[in-house]
PDB file of all heavy atoms in Angstrom:
ATOM      1  N   SER A   1       0.859  -1.176   0.000  1.00  0.00           N
ATOM      2  CA  SER A   1       0.000   0.000   0.000  1.00  0.00           C
ATOM      3  C   SER A   1       0.901   1.233   0.000  1.00  0.00           C
ATOM      4  O   SER A   1       1.703   1.423   0.912  1.00  0.00           O
ATOM      5  CB  SER A   1      -0.907   0.012   1.238  1.00  0.00           C
ATOM      6  OG  SER A   1      -1.665   1.208   1.293  1.00  0.00           O
ATOM      7  N   VAL A   2       0.796   2.036  -1.059  1.00  0.00           N
ATOM      8  CA  VAL A   2       1.607   3.248  -1.188  1.00  0.00           C
ATOM      9  C   VAL A   2       0.680   4.441  -0.988  1.00  0.00           C
ATOM     10  O   VAL A   2      -0.229   4.678  -1.796  1.00  0.00           O
ATOM     11  CB  VAL A   2       2.296   3.320  -2.574  1.00  0.00           C
ATOM     12  CG1 VAL A   2       3.106   4.605  -2.691  1.00  0.00           C
ATOM     13  CG2 VAL A   2       3.165   2.096  -2.798  1.00  0.00           C
ATOM     14  N   GLN A   3       0.923   5.193   0.082  1.00  0.00           N
ATOM     15  CA  GLN A   3       0.072   6.332   0.421  1.00  0.00           C
ATOM     16  C   GLN A   3       0.865   7.628   0.306  1.00  0.00           C
ATOM     17  O   GLN A   3       1.874   7.805   0.997  1.00  0.00           O
ATOM     18  CB  GLN A   3      -0.476   6.168   1.846  1.00  0.00           C
ATOM     19  CG  GLN A   3      -1.314   4.898   2.026  1.00  0.00           C
ATOM     20  CD  GLN A   3      -1.624   4.613   3.475  1.00  0.00           C
ATOM     21  OE1 GLN A   3      -0.869   4.980   4.359  1.00  0.00           O
ATOM     22  NE2 GLN A   3      -2.737   3.941   3.718  1.00  0.00           N
ATOM     23  N   VAL A   4       0.418   8.493  -0.584  1.00  0.00           N
ATOM     24  CA  VAL A   4       1.044   9.799  -0.761  1.00  0.00           C
ATOM     25  C   VAL A   4       0.160  10.825  -0.062  1.00  0.00           C
ATOM     26  O   VAL A   4      -1.028  10.969  -0.389  1.00  0.00           O
ATOM     27  CB  VAL A   4       1.203  10.158  -2.252  1.00  0.00           C
ATOM     28  CG1 VAL A   4       1.931  11.495  -2.405  1.00  0.00           C
ATOM     29  CG2 VAL A   4       1.959   9.052  -2.986  1.00  0.00           C
ATOM     30  N   TRP A   5       0.721  11.508   0.916  1.00  0.00           N
ATOM     31  CA  TRP A   5      -0.045  12.413   1.770  1.00  0.00           C
ATOM     32  C   TRP A   5      -0.746  13.506   0.968  1.00  0.00           C
ATOM     33  O   TRP A   5      -0.141  14.200   0.158  1.00  0.00           O
ATOM     34  CB  TRP A   5       0.887  13.048   2.798  1.00  0.00           C
ATOM     35  CG  TRP A   5       0.185  13.862   3.849  1.00  0.00           C
ATOM     36  CD1 TRP A   5      -0.749  13.425   4.734  1.00  0.00           C
ATOM     37  CD2 TRP A   5       0.360  15.253   4.105  1.00  0.00           C
ATOM     38  NE1 TRP A   5      -1.168  14.449   5.526  1.00  0.00           N
ATOM     39  CE2 TRP A   5      -0.504  15.596   5.172  1.00  0.00           C
ATOM     40  CE3 TRP A   5       1.177  16.239   3.544  1.00  0.00           C
ATOM     41  CZ2 TRP A   5      -0.575  16.885   5.688  1.00  0.00           C
ATOM     42  CZ3 TRP A   5       1.100  17.525   4.060  1.00  0.00           C
ATOM     43  CH2 TRP A   5       0.229  17.842   5.117  1.00  0.00           C
ATOM     44  N   GLU A   6      -2.074  13.557   1.167  1.00  0.00           N
ATOM     45  CA  GLU A   6      -2.946  14.544   0.519  1.00  0.00           C
ATOM     46  C   GLU A   6      -2.961  14.422  -0.998  1.00  0.00           C
ATOM     47  O   GLU A   6      -3.282  15.379  -1.703  1.00  0.00           O
ATOM     48  CB  GLU A   6      -2.569  15.976   0.929  1.00  0.00           C
ATOM     49  CG  GLU A   6      -2.854  16.281   2.395  1.00  0.00           C
ATOM     50  CD  GLU A   6      -2.650  17.746   2.724  1.00  0.00           C
ATOM     51  OE1 GLU A   6      -1.957  18.450   1.954  1.00  0.00           O
ATOM     52  OE2 GLU A   6      -3.182  18.191   3.760  1.00  0.00           O
ATOM     53  N   GLN A   7      -2.594  13.247  -1.503  1.00  0.00           N
ATOM     54  CA  GLN A   7      -2.614  13.012  -2.957  1.00  0.00           C
ATOM     55  C   GLN A   7      -3.227  11.639  -3.229  1.00  0.00           C
ATOM     56  O   GLN A   7      -2.523  10.678  -3.489  1.00  0.00           O
ATOM     57  CB  GLN A   7      -1.201  13.112  -3.541  1.00  0.00           C
ATOM     58  CG  GLN A   7      -0.552  14.468  -3.421  1.00  0.00           C
ATOM     59  CD  GLN A   7      -1.247  15.511  -4.283  1.00  0.00           C
ATOM     60  OE1 GLN A   7      -1.853  15.200  -5.303  1.00  0.00           O
ATOM     61  NE2 GLN A   7      -1.153  16.761  -3.860  1.00  0.00           N
ATOM     62  N   GLU A   8      -4.549  11.581  -3.143  1.00  0.00           N
ATOM     63  CA  GLU A   8      -5.225  10.294  -3.300  1.00  0.00           C
ATOM     64  C   GLU A   8      -4.979   9.682  -4.674  1.00  0.00           C
ATOM     65  O   GLU A   8      -4.834   8.456  -4.803  1.00  0.00           O
ATOM     66  CB  GLU A   8      -6.732  10.480  -3.079  1.00  0.00           C
ATOM     67  CG  GLU A   8      -7.514   9.182  -3.113  1.00  0.00           C
ATOM     68  CD  GLU A   8      -8.979   9.399  -2.806  1.00  0.00           C
ATOM     69  OE1 GLU A   8      -9.339  10.485  -2.291  1.00  0.00           O
ATOM     70  OE2 GLU A   8      -9.774   8.480  -3.081  1.00  0.00           O
ATOM     71  N   LYS A   9      -4.891  10.509  -5.711  1.00  0.00           N
ATOM     72  CA  LYS A   9      -4.696   9.985  -7.057  1.00  0.00           C
ATOM     73  C   LYS A   9      -3.302   9.381  -7.258  1.00  0.00           C
ATOM     74  O   LYS A   9      -3.096   8.587  -8.169  1.00  0.00           O
ATOM     75  CB  LYS A   9      -4.937  11.092  -8.094  1.00  0.00           C
ATOM     76  CG  LYS A   9      -6.395  11.525  -8.188  1.00  0.00           C
ATOM     77  CD  LYS A   9      -6.590  12.563  -9.270  1.00  0.00           C
ATOM     78  CE  LYS A   9      -8.054  12.957  -9.385  1.00  0.00           C
ATOM     79  NZ  LYS A   9      -8.270  13.981 -10.442  1.00  0.00           N
ATOM     80  N   MET A  10      -2.376   9.770  -6.426  1.00  0.00           N
ATOM     81  CA  MET A  10      -1.030   9.225  -6.517  1.00  0.00           C
ATOM     82  C   MET A  10      -0.850   7.990  -5.627  1.00  0.00           C
ATOM     83  O   MET A  10       0.162   7.300  -5.727  1.00  0.00           O
ATOM     84  CB  MET A  10       0.017  10.281  -6.126  1.00  0.00           C
ATOM     85  CG  MET A  10       0.160  11.410  -7.120  1.00  0.00           C
ATOM     86  SD  MET A  10       1.520  12.531  -6.640  1.00  0.00           S
ATOM     87  CE  MET A  10       1.525  13.664  -8.033  1.00  0.00           C
ATOM     88  N   SER A  11      -1.797   7.756  -4.759  1.00  0.00           N
ATOM     89  CA  SER A  11      -1.725   6.603  -3.862  1.00  0.00           C
ATOM     90  C   SER A  11      -2.253   5.365  -4.571  1.00  0.00           C
ATOM     91  O   SER A  11      -3.100   5.458  -5.475  1.00  0.00           O
ATOM     92  CB  SER A  11      -2.535   6.866  -2.589  1.00  0.00           C
ATOM     93  OG  SER A  11      -2.042   8.019  -1.909  1.00  0.00           O
ATOM     94  N   THR A  12      -1.769   4.217  -4.158  1.00  0.00           N
ATOM     95  CA  THR A  12      -2.182   2.988  -4.836  1.00  0.00           C
ATOM     96  C   THR A  12      -1.900   1.767  -3.978  1.00  0.00           C
ATOM     97  O   THR A  12      -1.167   1.847  -2.980  1.00  0.00           O
ATOM     98  CB  THR A  12      -1.447   2.844  -6.191  1.00  0.00           C
ATOM     99  OG1 THR A  12      -1.985   1.744  -6.914  1.00  0.00           O
ATOM    100  CG2 THR A  12       0.044   2.585  -5.966  1.00  0.00           C
ATOM    101  N   LYS A  13      -2.478   0.647  -4.366  1.00  0.00           N
ATOM    102  CA  LYS A  13      -2.128  -0.658  -3.822  1.00  0.00           C
ATOM    103  C   LYS A  13      -1.692  -1.525  -4.989  1.00  0.00           C
ATOM    104  O   LYS A  13      -2.328  -1.524  -6.036  1.00  0.00           O
ATOM    105  CB  LYS A  13      -3.322  -1.314  -3.114  1.00  0.00           C
ATOM    106  CG  LYS A  13      -3.620  -0.751  -1.740  1.00  0.00           C
ATOM    107  CD  LYS A  13      -4.637  -1.613  -1.007  1.00  0.00           C
ATOM    108  CE  LYS A  13      -4.883  -1.074   0.390  1.00  0.00           C
ATOM    109  NZ  LYS A  13      -5.797  -1.968   1.157  1.00  0.00           N
ATOM    110  N   ALA A  14      -0.601  -2.250  -4.811  1.00  0.00           N
ATOM    111  CA  ALA A  14      -0.087  -3.056  -5.917  1.00  0.00           C
ATOM    112  C   ALA A  14       0.675  -4.252  -5.372  1.00  0.00           C
ATOM    113  O   ALA A  14       1.350  -4.158  -4.345  1.00  0.00           O
ATOM    114  CB  ALA A  14       0.819  -2.222  -6.812  1.00  0.00           C
ATOM    115  N   ARG A  15       0.561  -5.370  -6.089  1.00  0.00           N
ATOM    116  CA  ARG A  15       1.313  -6.566  -5.722  1.00  0.00           C
ATOM    117  C   ARG A  15       2.618  -6.592  -6.521  1.00  0.00           C
ATOM    118  O   ARG A  15       2.641  -6.296  -7.713  1.00  0.00           O
ATOM    119  CB  ARG A  15       0.488  -7.831  -6.013  1.00  0.00           C
ATOM    120  CG  ARG A  15       1.048  -9.081  -5.338  1.00  0.00           C
ATOM    121  CD  ARG A  15       0.086 -10.243  -5.444  1.00  0.00           C
ATOM    122  NE  ARG A  15      -1.174 -10.012  -4.766  1.00  0.00           N
ATOM    123  CZ  ARG A  15      -1.366 -10.192  -3.457  1.00  0.00           C
ATOM    124  NH1 ARG A  15      -0.356 -10.588  -2.699  1.00  0.00           N
ATOM    125  NH2 ARG A  15      -2.547  -9.974  -2.923  1.00  0.00           N
ATOM    126  N   VAL A  16       3.694  -6.936  -5.851  1.00  0.00           N
ATOM    127  CA  VAL A  16       5.008  -6.946  -6.493  1.00  0.00           C
ATOM    128  C   VAL A  16       5.040  -8.043  -7.555  1.00  0.00           C
ATOM    129  O   VAL A  16       4.793  -9.212  -7.280  1.00  0.00           O
ATOM    130  CB  VAL A  16       6.125  -7.171  -5.462  1.00  0.00           C
ATOM    131  CG1 VAL A  16       7.493  -7.122  -6.145  1.00  0.00           C
ATOM    132  CG2 VAL A  16       6.051  -6.122  -4.351  1.00  0.00           C
ATOM    133  N   ARG A  17       5.354  -7.643  -8.788  1.00  0.00           N
ATOM    134  CA  ARG A  17       5.372  -8.570  -9.910  1.00  0.00           C
ATOM    135  C   ARG A  17       6.655  -9.397  -9.917  1.00  0.00           C
ATOM    136  O   ARG A  17       7.583  -9.146  -9.163  1.00  0.00           O
ATOM    137  CB  ARG A  17       5.238  -7.799 -11.230  1.00  0.00           C
ATOM    138  CG  ARG A  17       4.020  -6.872 -11.282  1.00  0.00           C
ATOM    139  CD  ARG A  17       3.810  -6.374 -12.701  1.00  0.00           C
ATOM    140  NE  ARG A  17       4.991  -5.726 -13.260  1.00  0.00           N
ATOM    141  CZ  ARG A  17       5.144  -4.409 -13.370  1.00  0.00           C
ATOM    142  NH1 ARG A  17       4.212  -3.587 -12.929  1.00  0.00           N
ATOM    143  NH2 ARG A  17       6.244  -3.900 -13.923  1.00  0.00           N
ATOM    144  N   THR A  18       6.689 -10.371 -10.812  1.00  0.00           N
ATOM    145  CA  THR A  18       7.865 -11.242 -10.906  1.00  0.00           C
ATOM    146  C   THR A  18       9.115 -10.500 -11.369  1.00  0.00           C
ATOM    147  O   THR A  18      10.231 -10.980 -11.171  1.00  0.00           O
ATOM    148  CB  THR A  18       7.594 -12.419 -11.862  1.00  0.00           C
ATOM    149  OG1 THR A  18       7.157 -11.901 -13.133  1.00  0.00           O
ATOM    150  CG2 THR A  18       6.512 -13.332 -11.302  1.00  0.00           C
ATOM    151  N   ASP A  19       8.930  -9.321 -11.973  1.00  0.00           N
ATOM    152  CA  ASP A  19      10.096  -8.521 -12.375  1.00  0.00           C
ATOM    153  C   ASP A  19      10.574  -7.613 -11.240  1.00  0.00           C
ATOM    154  O   ASP A  19      11.482  -6.797 -11.421  1.00  0.00           O
ATOM    155  CB  ASP A  19       9.803  -7.698 -13.627  1.00  0.00           C
ATOM    156  CG  ASP A  19       8.660  -6.701 -13.432  1.00  0.00           C
ATOM    157  OD1 ASP A  19       8.085  -6.642 -12.327  1.00  0.00           O
ATOM    158  OD2 ASP A  19       8.333  -5.987 -14.407  1.00  0.00           O
ATOM    159  N   GLY A  20       9.935  -7.746 -10.058  1.00  0.00           N
ATOM    160  CA  GLY A  20      10.351  -6.975  -8.893  1.00  0.00           C
ATOM    161  C   GLY A  20       9.832  -5.557  -8.844  1.00  0.00           C
ATOM    162  O   GLY A  20      10.304  -4.744  -8.038  1.00  0.00           O
ATOM    163  N   LYS A  21       8.846  -5.240  -9.693  1.00  0.00           N
ATOM    164  CA  LYS A  21       8.352  -3.872  -9.787  1.00  0.00           C
ATOM    165  C   LYS A  21       6.870  -3.777  -9.432  1.00  0.00           C
ATOM    166  O   LYS A  21       6.151  -4.765  -9.428  1.00  0.00           O
ATOM    167  CB  LYS A  21       8.552  -3.340 -11.214  1.00  0.00           C
ATOM    168  CG  LYS A  21      10.002  -3.316 -11.682  1.00  0.00           C
ATOM    169  CD  LYS A  21      10.094  -2.864 -13.129  1.00  0.00           C
ATOM    170  CE  LYS A  21      11.535  -2.870 -13.633  1.00  0.00           C
ATOM    171  NZ  LYS A  21      11.632  -2.437 -15.045  1.00  0.00           N
ATOM    172  N   ILE A  22       6.420  -2.553  -9.120  1.00  0.00           N
ATOM    173  CA  ILE A  22       5.002  -2.224  -9.020  1.00  0.00           C
ATOM    174  C   ILE A  22       4.765  -0.969  -9.855  1.00  0.00           C
ATOM    175  O   ILE A  22       5.707  -0.229 -10.165  1.00  0.00           O
ATOM    176  CB  ILE A  22       4.546  -1.981  -7.560  1.00  0.00           C
ATOM    177  CG1 ILE A  22       5.311  -0.795  -6.950  1.00  0.00           C
ATOM    178  CG2 ILE A  22       4.707  -3.233  -6.723  1.00  0.00           C
ATOM    179  CD1 ILE A  22       4.793  -0.372  -5.579  1.00  0.00           C
ATOM    180  N   SER A  23       3.510  -0.748 -10.207  1.00  0.00           N
ATOM    181  CA  SER A  23       3.161   0.443 -10.987  1.00  0.00           C
ATOM    182  C   SER A  23       2.643   1.532 -10.060  1.00  0.00           C
ATOM    183  O   SER A  23       1.762   1.281  -9.229  1.00  0.00           O
ATOM    184  CB  SER A  23       2.106   0.102 -12.038  1.00  0.00           C
ATOM    185  OG  SER A  23       2.647  -0.781 -13.004  1.00  0.00           O
ATOM    186  N   ILE A  24       3.201   2.738 -10.205  1.00  0.00           N
ATOM    187  CA  ILE A  24       2.830   3.890  -9.390  1.00  0.00           C
ATOM    188  C   ILE A  24       2.303   4.980 -10.322  1.00  0.00           C
ATOM    189  O   ILE A  24       2.915   5.262 -11.359  1.00  0.00           O
ATOM    190  CB  ILE A  24       4.055   4.437  -8.625  1.00  0.00           C
ATOM    191  CG1 ILE A  24       4.673   3.347  -7.748  1.00  0.00           C
ATOM    192  CG2 ILE A  24       3.670   5.643  -7.785  1.00  0.00           C
ATOM    193  CD1 ILE A  24       3.865   2.970  -6.551  1.00  0.00           C
ATOM    194  N   PRO A  25       1.158   5.611  -9.989  1.00  0.00           N
ATOM    195  CA  PRO A  25       0.666   6.717 -10.814  1.00  0.00           C
ATOM    196  C   PRO A  25       1.737   7.803 -10.994  1.00  0.00           C
ATOM    197  O   PRO A  25       2.443   8.145 -10.049  1.00  0.00           O
ATOM    198  CB  PRO A  25      -0.528   7.247 -10.006  1.00  0.00           C
ATOM    199  CG  PRO A  25      -0.999   6.050  -9.230  1.00  0.00           C
ATOM    200  CD  PRO A  25       0.242   5.282  -8.880  1.00  0.00           C
ATOM    201  N   PHE A  26       1.877   8.292 -12.196  1.00  0.00           N
ATOM    202  CA  PHE A  26       2.838   9.318 -12.599  1.00  0.00           C
ATOM    203  C   PHE A  26       4.268   8.781 -12.754  1.00  0.00           C
ATOM    204  O   PHE A  26       5.049   9.319 -13.534  1.00  0.00           O
ATOM    205  CB  PHE A  26       2.868  10.508 -11.618  1.00  0.00           C
ATOM    206  CG  PHE A  26       1.580  11.270 -11.560  1.00  0.00           C
ATOM    207  CD1 PHE A  26       0.620  10.951 -10.602  1.00  0.00           C
ATOM    208  CD2 PHE A  26       1.317  12.294 -12.446  1.00  0.00           C
ATOM    209  CE1 PHE A  26      -0.571  11.642 -10.533  1.00  0.00           C
ATOM    210  CE2 PHE A  26       0.125  12.999 -12.382  1.00  0.00           C
ATOM    211  CZ  PHE A  26      -0.825  12.660 -11.433  1.00  0.00           C
ATOM    212  N   LEU A  27       4.614   7.721 -12.012  1.00  0.00           N
ATOM    213  CA  LEU A  27       5.987   7.199 -12.057  1.00  0.00           C
ATOM    214  C   LEU A  27       6.088   5.902 -12.838  1.00  0.00           C
ATOM    215  O   LEU A  27       7.186   5.457 -13.154  1.00  0.00           O
ATOM    216  CB  LEU A  27       6.507   6.966 -10.623  1.00  0.00           C
ATOM    217  CG  LEU A  27       6.547   8.186  -9.716  1.00  0.00           C
ATOM    218  CD1 LEU A  27       7.054   7.797  -8.333  1.00  0.00           C
ATOM    219  CD2 LEU A  27       7.420   9.281 -10.316  1.00  0.00           C
ATOM    220  N   TYR A  28       4.961   5.295 -13.117  1.00  0.00           N
ATOM    221  CA  TYR A  28       4.901   4.034 -13.854  1.00  0.00           C
ATOM    222  C   TYR A  28       5.587   2.917 -13.065  1.00  0.00           C
ATOM    223  O   TYR A  28       5.351   2.771 -11.879  1.00  0.00           O
ATOM    224  CB  TYR A  28       5.469   4.192 -15.272  1.00  0.00           C
ATOM    225  CG  TYR A  28       4.767   5.274 -16.052  1.00  0.00           C
ATOM    226  CD1 TYR A  28       5.357   6.531 -16.244  1.00  0.00           C
ATOM    227  CD2 TYR A  28       3.478   5.063 -16.559  1.00  0.00           C
ATOM    228  CE1 TYR A  28       4.686   7.537 -16.937  1.00  0.00           C
ATOM    229  CE2 TYR A  28       2.803   6.059 -17.254  1.00  0.00           C
ATOM    230  CZ  TYR A  28       3.409   7.290 -17.439  1.00  0.00           C
ATOM    231  OH  TYR A  28       2.746   8.278 -18.109  1.00  0.00           O
ATOM    232  N   ASP A  29       6.484   2.149 -13.690  1.00  0.00           N
ATOM    233  CA  ASP A  29       7.075   0.989 -13.025  1.00  0.00           C
ATOM    234  C   ASP A  29       8.243   1.391 -12.128  1.00  0.00           C
ATOM    235  O   ASP A  29       9.160   2.107 -12.556  1.00  0.00           O
ATOM    236  CB  ASP A  29       7.567  -0.036 -14.053  1.00  0.00           C
ATOM    237  CG  ASP A  29       6.411  -0.717 -14.763  1.00  0.00           C
ATOM    238  OD1 ASP A  29       5.275  -0.629 -14.268  1.00  0.00           O
ATOM    239  OD2 ASP A  29       6.648  -1.345 -15.821  1.00  0.00           O
ATOM    240  N   VAL A  30       8.181   0.902 -10.878  1.00  0.00           N
ATOM    241  CA  VAL A  30       9.211   1.216  -9.884  1.00  0.00           C
ATOM    242  C   VAL A  30       9.726  -0.085  -9.277  1.00  0.00           C
ATOM    243  O   VAL A  30       8.943  -0.950  -8.881  1.00  0.00           O
ATOM    244  CB  VAL A  30       8.636   2.119  -8.765  1.00  0.00           C
ATOM    245  CG1 VAL A  30       9.685   2.368  -7.687  1.00  0.00           C
ATOM    246  CG2 VAL A  30       8.129   3.429  -9.346  1.00  0.00           C
ATOM    247  N   VAL A  31      11.041  -0.222  -9.196  1.00  0.00           N
ATOM    248  CA  VAL A  31      11.644  -1.417  -8.594  1.00  0.00           C
ATOM    249  C   VAL A  31      11.531  -1.324  -7.068  1.00  0.00           C
ATOM    250  O   VAL A  31      11.970  -0.345  -6.459  1.00  0.00           O
ATOM    251  CB  VAL A  31      13.125  -1.556  -8.997  1.00  0.00           C
ATOM    252  CG1 VAL A  31      13.759  -2.759  -8.288  1.00  0.00           C
ATOM    253  CG2 VAL A  31      13.256  -1.702 -10.509  1.00  0.00           C
ATOM    254  N   VAL A  32      10.949  -2.364  -6.449  1.00  0.00           N
ATOM    255  CA  VAL A  32      10.780  -2.370  -4.990  1.00  0.00           C
ATOM    256  C   VAL A  32      11.363  -3.614  -4.333  1.00  0.00           C
ATOM    257  O   VAL A  32      11.557  -3.645  -3.116  1.00  0.00           O
ATOM    258  CB  VAL A  32       9.287  -2.250  -4.616  1.00  0.00           C
ATOM    259  CG1 VAL A  32       8.723  -0.915  -5.084  1.00  0.00           C
ATOM    260  CG2 VAL A  32       8.482  -3.409  -5.187  1.00  0.00           C
ATOM    261  N   VAL A  33      11.642  -4.652  -5.105  1.00  0.00           N
ATOM    262  CA  VAL A  33      12.087  -5.918  -4.529  1.00  0.00           C
ATOM    263  C   VAL A  33      13.460  -5.760  -3.880  1.00  0.00           C
ATOM    264  O   VAL A  33      14.288  -4.957  -4.322  1.00  0.00           O
ATOM    265  CB  VAL A  33      12.111  -7.029  -5.611  1.00  0.00           C
ATOM    266  CG1 VAL A  33      13.290  -6.858  -6.552  1.00  0.00           C
ATOM    267  CG2 VAL A  33      12.112  -8.416  -4.979  1.00  0.00           C
ATOM    268  N   ASN A  34      13.679  -6.495  -2.785  1.00  0.00           N
ATOM    269  CA  ASN A  34      14.930  -6.479  -2.013  1.00  0.00           C
ATOM    270  C   ASN A  34      15.179  -5.144  -1.327  1.00  0.00           C
ATOM    271  O   ASN A  34      16.326  -4.822  -0.979  1.00  0.00           O
ATOM    272  CB  ASN A  34      16.133  -6.858  -2.882  1.00  0.00           C
ATOM    273  CG  ASN A  34      16.061  -8.294  -3.367  1.00  0.00           C
ATOM    274  OD1 ASN A  34      15.529  -9.172  -2.683  1.00  0.00           O
ATOM    275  ND2 ASN A  34      16.581  -8.544  -4.552  1.00  0.00           N
ATOM    276  N   LYS A  35      14.126  -4.376  -1.111  1.00  0.00           N
ATOM    277  CA  LYS A  35      14.224  -3.121  -0.362  1.00  0.00           C
ATOM    278  C   LYS A  35      13.245  -3.166   0.809  1.00  0.00           C
ATOM    279  O   LYS A  35      12.285  -3.924   0.793  1.00  0.00           O
ATOM    280  CB  LYS A  35      13.893  -1.926  -1.271  1.00  0.00           C
ATOM    281  CG  LYS A  35      14.796  -1.785  -2.492  1.00  0.00           C
ATOM    282  CD  LYS A  35      14.341  -0.642  -3.374  1.00  0.00           C
ATOM    283  CE  LYS A  35      15.208  -0.544  -4.636  1.00  0.00           C
ATOM    284  NZ  LYS A  35      14.749   0.549  -5.529  1.00  0.00           N
ATOM    285  N   THR A  36      13.485  -2.341   1.819  1.00  0.00           N
ATOM    286  CA  THR A  36      12.541  -2.235   2.925  1.00  0.00           C
ATOM    287  C   THR A  36      11.440  -1.235   2.541  1.00  0.00           C
ATOM    288  O   THR A  36      11.643  -0.395   1.648  1.00  0.00           O
ATOM    289  CB  THR A  36      13.230  -1.750   4.206  1.00  0.00           C
ATOM    290  OG1 THR A  36      13.645  -0.385   4.034  1.00  0.00           O
ATOM    291  CG2 THR A  36      14.433  -2.615   4.554  1.00  0.00           C
ATOM    292  N   PRO A  37      10.277  -1.303   3.206  1.00  0.00           N
ATOM    293  CA  PRO A  37       9.230  -0.304   2.928  1.00  0.00           C
ATOM    294  C   PRO A  37       9.728   1.124   3.122  1.00  0.00           C
ATOM    295  O   PRO A  37       9.362   2.026   2.358  1.00  0.00           O
ATOM    296  CB  PRO A  37       8.130  -0.667   3.933  1.00  0.00           C
ATOM    297  CG  PRO A  37       8.303  -2.142   4.150  1.00  0.00           C
ATOM    298  CD  PRO A  37       9.786  -2.364   4.116  1.00  0.00           C
ATOM    299  N   GLY A  38      10.578   1.345   4.136  1.00  0.00           N
ATOM    300  CA  GLY A  38      11.122   2.687   4.360  1.00  0.00           C
ATOM    301  C   GLY A  38      12.004   3.148   3.224  1.00  0.00           C
ATOM    302  O   GLY A  38      11.958   4.318   2.812  1.00  0.00           O
ATOM    303  N   ASP A  39      12.815   2.236   2.689  1.00  0.00           N
ATOM    304  CA  ASP A  39      13.667   2.583   1.542  1.00  0.00           C
ATOM    305  C   ASP A  39      12.827   3.005   0.347  1.00  0.00           C
ATOM    306  O   ASP A  39      13.128   4.000  -0.327  1.00  0.00           O
ATOM    307  CB  ASP A  39      14.532   1.385   1.145  1.00  0.00           C
ATOM    308  CG  ASP A  39      15.600   1.066   2.169  1.00  0.00           C
ATOM    309  OD1 ASP A  39      15.957   1.971   2.959  1.00  0.00           O
ATOM    310  OD2 ASP A  39      16.067  -0.091   2.200  1.00  0.00           O
ATOM    311  N   VAL A  40      11.773   2.219   0.073  1.00  0.00           N
ATOM    312  CA  VAL A  40      10.906   2.522  -1.068  1.00  0.00           C
ATOM    313  C   VAL A  40      10.218   3.867  -0.877  1.00  0.00           C
ATOM    314  O   VAL A  40      10.117   4.676  -1.813  1.00  0.00           O
ATOM    315  CB  VAL A  40       9.868   1.405  -1.274  1.00  0.00           C
ATOM    316  CG1 VAL A  40       8.881   1.786  -2.385  1.00  0.00           C
ATOM    317  CG2 VAL A  40      10.555   0.089  -1.615  1.00  0.00           C
ATOM    318  N   ALA A  41       9.754   4.141   0.347  1.00  0.00           N
ATOM    319  CA  ALA A  41       9.070   5.412   0.619  1.00  0.00           C
ATOM    320  C   ALA A  41      10.005   6.594   0.351  1.00  0.00           C
ATOM    321  O   ALA A  41       9.604   7.586  -0.285  1.00  0.00           O
ATOM    322  CB  ALA A  41       8.574   5.440   2.061  1.00  0.00           C
ATOM    323  N   ARG A  42      11.249   6.491   0.805  1.00  0.00           N
ATOM    324  CA  ARG A  42      12.198   7.594   0.594  1.00  0.00           C
ATOM    325  C   ARG A  42      12.519   7.779  -0.889  1.00  0.00           C
ATOM    326  O   ARG A  42      12.626   8.915  -1.377  1.00  0.00           O
ATOM    327  CB  ARG A  42      13.472   7.337   1.397  1.00  0.00           C
ATOM    328  CG  ARG A  42      13.288   7.555   2.908  1.00  0.00           C
ATOM    329  CD  ARG A  42      14.602   7.447   3.640  1.00  0.00           C
ATOM    330  NE  ARG A  42      15.072   6.061   3.683  1.00  0.00           N
ATOM    331  CZ  ARG A  42      14.742   5.201   4.642  1.00  0.00           C
ATOM    332  NH1 ARG A  42      13.912   5.561   5.605  1.00  0.00           N
ATOM    333  NH2 ARG A  42      15.232   3.976   4.627  1.00  0.00           N
ATOM    334  N   GLU A  43      12.666   6.678  -1.613  1.00  0.00           N
ATOM    335  CA  GLU A  43      12.955   6.775  -3.046  1.00  0.00           C
ATOM    336  C   GLU A  43      11.783   7.394  -3.797  1.00  0.00           C
ATOM    337  O   GLU A  43      11.973   8.185  -4.734  1.00  0.00           O
ATOM    338  CB  GLU A  43      13.269   5.391  -3.604  1.00  0.00           C
ATOM    339  CG  GLU A  43      14.604   4.836  -3.118  1.00  0.00           C
ATOM    340  CD  GLU A  43      14.867   3.435  -3.639  1.00  0.00           C
ATOM    341  OE1 GLU A  43      14.079   2.952  -4.469  1.00  0.00           O
ATOM    342  OE2 GLU A  43      15.874   2.822  -3.218  1.00  0.00           O
TER     343      GLU A  43
END
C-alpha cells in the first residue's frame, strides 16, 4: 500500500510482480524488490 499524503490519485495498492516492480501513478514501473518499505518510501 503506497500512500502519498494529501494526494489520493497518486496513492495505490499493488502486488510486487515477478520482475520486482510495481506500478505507481505518474511514475509508472518502480523497482521495490529487495528493499525495505522505508527505503521505497524515501525513493
